[in-house]
């Protein structure tokens, strides 16, 4: 079994990966509960969690540790007070990846966090899959996935499925060799509009 780094993000139907006040959008979904939105199944293949400091720090004040069965690796400029000894913190993403790979026993890695963290590891060629859970509501504001994630990322569709409560899970393999959308090219137009 070979380790894969998998980013899984929930997004509102209008493309926001946070609420206007910064919370993950799934927490406002009436069906949200521990393990909902397919996360329990997703974590079945994961042995580690990789995240940025902004995602990690709120866990230090939770009633329960969010990653009891996972090794935790945090990209951060300093080790936050109260960080458990078994958590690896490093400010250099390349060095953190090396530590993650050295500790890995063949299971997958859940890349948790916002678009900036996902883009940091995608730019290093370390992101294998991007999983999106499209939630059945609009938020009208918040952080968009592509505010930090390069829109030229090559994606190859792998699967989709309906989840309880009306959400849809879409899984893409990240393919650095696949031609990305030319829609951002100012000279591009649909074939039907070319003169």
Protein backbone atom coordinates (compact mmCIF):
# COMPACT_ATOMS: atom_id res chain seq x y z
CA UNK A 1 0.00 0.00 0.00
CA UNK A 2 1.36 3.40 -0.99
CA UNK A 3 0.70 6.57 0.94
CA UNK A 4 -1.50 9.17 -0.73
CA UNK A 5 -2.15 12.70 0.47
CA UNK A 6 -5.86 13.46 0.23
CA UNK A 7 -7.48 16.87 0.66
CA UNK A 8 -11.18 16.74 1.52
CA UNK A 9 -13.09 20.00 1.68
CA UNK A 10 -16.75 20.78 2.11
CA UNK A 11 -18.05 23.61 -0.04
CA UNK A 12 -21.38 25.36 -0.26
CA UNK A 13 -23.22 25.13 -3.57
CA UNK A 14 -22.03 28.66 -4.33
CA UNK A 15 -18.37 27.68 -3.82
CA UNK A 16 -17.45 28.78 -0.30
CA UNK A 17 -15.22 26.56 1.86
CA UNK A 18 -15.87 28.65 4.98
CA UNK A 19 -18.85 30.52 6.35
CA UNK A 20 -18.60 34.33 6.33
CA UNK A 21 -17.22 34.17 9.89
CA UNK A 22 -14.62 31.51 9.08
CA UNK A 23 -16.21 28.22 10.18
CA UNK A 24 -16.16 25.09 7.97
CA UNK A 25 -19.47 25.16 6.06
CA UNK A 26 -20.55 21.66 7.07
CA UNK A 27 -21.04 22.78 10.69
CA UNK A 28 -24.15 24.75 9.69
CA UNK A 29 -25.67 21.76 7.85
CA UNK A 30 -28.54 20.27 9.91
CA UNK A 31 -27.18 16.74 9.26
CA UNK A 32 -23.71 17.62 10.63
CA UNK A 33 -22.49 15.26 13.34
CA UNK A 34 -19.23 13.43 14.11
CA UNK A 35 -18.47 11.25 11.09
CA UNK A 36 -21.10 12.88 8.84
CA UNK A 37 -20.62 13.95 5.23
CA UNK A 38 -18.66 10.76 4.49
CA UNK A 39 -15.72 11.69 6.75
CA UNK A 40 -15.95 8.49 8.85
CA UNK A 41 -15.49 6.33 5.74
CA UNK A 42 -12.81 8.64 4.35
CA UNK A 43 -10.73 8.40 7.53
CA UNK A 44 -10.80 4.59 7.33
CA UNK A 45 -7.75 4.59 5.02
CA UNK A 46 -5.91 7.41 6.82
CA UNK A 47 -3.14 7.02 9.37
CA UNK A 48 -2.09 10.66 9.59
CA UNK A 49 -3.47 14.19 9.48
CA UNK A 50 -1.52 17.07 7.95
CA UNK A 51 -2.69 20.63 8.54
CA UNK A 52 -1.81 24.25 9.05
CA UNK A 53 -1.61 25.95 12.42
CA UNK A 54 -4.92 27.82 11.95
CA UNK A 55 -6.77 24.51 11.63
CA UNK A 56 -4.79 22.88 14.44
CA UNK A 57 -4.98 25.48 17.22
CA UNK A 58 -8.75 25.26 17.92
CA UNK A 59 -8.28 21.53 18.65
CA UNK A 60 -6.19 22.42 21.69
CA UNK A 61 -9.30 23.68 23.49
CA UNK A 62 -11.74 20.98 22.29
CA UNK A 63 -13.46 18.74 24.81
CA UNK A 64 -12.04 15.75 22.94
CA UNK A 65 -8.97 15.32 20.72
CA UNK A 66 -10.23 15.36 17.08
CA UNK A 67 -7.63 12.92 15.73
CA UNK A 68 -7.38 10.10 18.31
CA UNK A 69 -6.32 7.45 15.80
CA UNK A 70 -4.08 9.57 13.56
CA UNK A 71 -0.52 10.81 13.68
CA UNK A 72 -0.69 14.62 13.49
CA UNK A 73 1.68 16.86 11.50
CA UNK A 74 1.28 20.65 11.65
CA UNK A 75 2.79 23.30 9.38
CA UNK A 76 3.44 26.23 11.69
CA UNK A 77 6.03 28.83 12.58
CA UNK A 78 5.96 27.84 16.26
CA UNK A 79 4.71 25.06 18.52
CA UNK A 80 1.48 26.33 20.15
CA UNK A 81 1.28 26.08 23.94
CA UNK A 82 -0.46 22.90 25.00
CA UNK A 83 0.49 20.93 21.88
CA UNK A 84 0.72 17.23 22.79
CA UNK A 85 4.21 15.73 22.57
CA UNK A 86 3.19 13.24 19.85
CA UNK A 87 2.31 16.07 17.41
CA UNK A 88 5.01 17.03 14.89
CA UNK A 89 5.23 20.78 14.18
CA UNK A 90 7.57 22.29 11.59
CA UNK A 91 7.67 25.62 9.75
CA UNK A 92 9.18 24.17 6.57
CA UNK A 93 6.67 22.24 4.40
CA UNK A 94 9.42 20.24 2.67
CA UNK A 95 10.91 19.16 6.00
CA UNK A 96 7.44 18.37 7.36
CA UNK A 97 6.72 16.17 4.33
CA UNK A 98 10.00 14.32 4.90
CA UNK A 99 9.03 13.66 8.53
CA UNK A 100 5.56 12.54 7.44
CA UNK A 101 6.94 10.13 4.84
CA UNK A 102 9.53 8.74 7.28
CA UNK A 103 6.80 7.99 9.85
CA UNK A 104 4.30 6.58 7.33
CA UNK A 105 3.41 2.88 7.43
CA UNK A 106 1.54 2.85 4.12
CA UNK A 107 -1.74 4.53 5.09
CA UNK A 108 -3.14 7.68 3.57
CA UNK A 109 -2.79 11.22 4.89
CA UNK A 110 -5.75 13.57 5.40
CA UNK A 111 -4.66 17.05 4.35
CA UNK A 112 -6.91 19.27 6.47
CA UNK A 113 -7.19 23.00 6.22
CA UNK A 114 -7.94 25.89 4.01
CA UNK A 115 -7.01 26.50 0.40
CA UNK A 116 -3.66 28.08 1.32
CA UNK A 117 -2.50 24.93 3.13
CA UNK A 118 -3.80 22.69 0.34
CA UNK A 119 -1.98 24.84 -2.25
CA UNK A 120 1.28 24.74 -0.27
CA UNK A 121 1.43 20.96 -0.54
CA UNK A 122 -0.04 20.82 -4.07
CA UNK A 123 2.72 23.17 -5.26
CA UNK A 124 5.25 20.69 -3.84
CA UNK A 125 3.66 17.89 -5.89
CA UNK A 126 2.44 16.17 -2.73
CA UNK A 127 -1.34 16.30 -3.28
CA UNK A 128 -2.74 13.11 -4.80
CA UNK A 129 -6.50 13.65 -4.57
CA UNK A 130 -8.91 16.51 -4.08
CA UNK A 131 -12.26 15.48 -2.64
CA UNK A 132 -15.09 17.99 -2.55
CA UNK A 133 -18.33 17.60 -0.66
CA UNK A 134 -20.83 20.01 -2.21
CA UNK A 135 -23.37 20.99 0.45
CA UNK A 136 -27.03 21.67 -0.45
CA UNK A 137 -27.14 25.33 0.51
CA UNK A 138 -25.73 28.76 -0.40
CA UNK A 139 -23.63 30.89 1.94
CA UNK A 140 -23.23 34.08 -0.07
CA UNK A 141 -19.82 34.81 1.44
CA UNK A 142 -16.76 33.34 3.10
CA UNK A 143 -13.51 31.99 1.64
CA UNK A 144 -13.55 30.44 -1.83
CA UNK A 145 -11.47 27.42 -2.72
CA UNK A 146 -9.68 29.24 -5.54
CA UNK A 147 -8.74 32.31 -3.51
CA UNK A 148 -5.51 30.46 -2.69
CA UNK A 149 -5.63 27.19 -4.65
CA UNK A 150 -4.17 27.51 -8.15
CA UNK A 151 -7.11 27.26 -10.60
CA UNK A 152 -4.79 25.66 -13.16
CA UNK A 153 -4.59 22.43 -11.14
CA UNK A 154 -5.06 19.38 -13.36
CA UNK A 155 -7.95 17.23 -12.13
CA UNK A 156 -9.13 13.85 -13.37
CA UNK A 157 -12.60 12.75 -12.28
CA UNK A 158 -12.64 9.51 -10.27
CA UNK A 159 -16.05 9.19 -8.65
CA UNK A 160 -19.11 10.86 -7.21
CA UNK A 161 -21.87 9.80 -4.84
CA UNK A 162 -24.85 11.25 -3.05
CA UNK A 163 -24.52 11.55 0.72
CA UNK A 164 -27.28 11.64 3.34
CA UNK A 165 -28.87 15.07 3.67
CA UNK A 166 -28.44 16.03 0.02
CA UNK A 167 -24.67 16.60 -0.22
CA UNK A 168 -22.65 15.23 -3.15
CA UNK A 169 -19.09 13.90 -2.83
CA UNK A 170 -16.86 14.38 -5.90
CA UNK A 171 -13.39 12.80 -5.99
CA UNK A 172 -10.65 13.99 -8.36
CA UNK A 173 -7.12 12.69 -8.83
CA UNK A 174 -4.62 15.53 -9.01
CA UNK A 175 -2.75 15.14 -12.27
CA UNK A 176 0.16 17.56 -12.80
CA UNK A 177 0.49 16.36 -16.43
CA UNK A 178 -3.12 16.90 -17.43
CA UNK A 179 -3.91 19.98 -19.46
CA UNK A 180 -5.82 22.40 -17.30
CA UNK A 181 -8.63 24.72 -18.34
CA UNK A 182 -7.63 27.36 -20.86
CA UNK A 183 -10.51 29.58 -19.71
CA UNK A 184 -8.08 31.86 -17.82
CA UNK A 185 -6.14 32.56 -21.02
CA UNK A 186 -7.31 36.02 -22.22
CA UNK A 187 -7.09 34.83 -25.86
CA UNK A 188 -9.26 31.76 -25.34
CA UNK A 189 -12.87 31.54 -26.47
CA UNK A 190 -15.26 28.60 -26.99
CA UNK A 191 -14.93 27.02 -30.44
CA UNK A 192 -18.42 28.27 -31.34
CA UNK A 193 -17.27 31.88 -30.73
CA UNK A 194 -14.01 31.84 -32.64
CA UNK A 195 -13.96 33.80 -35.87
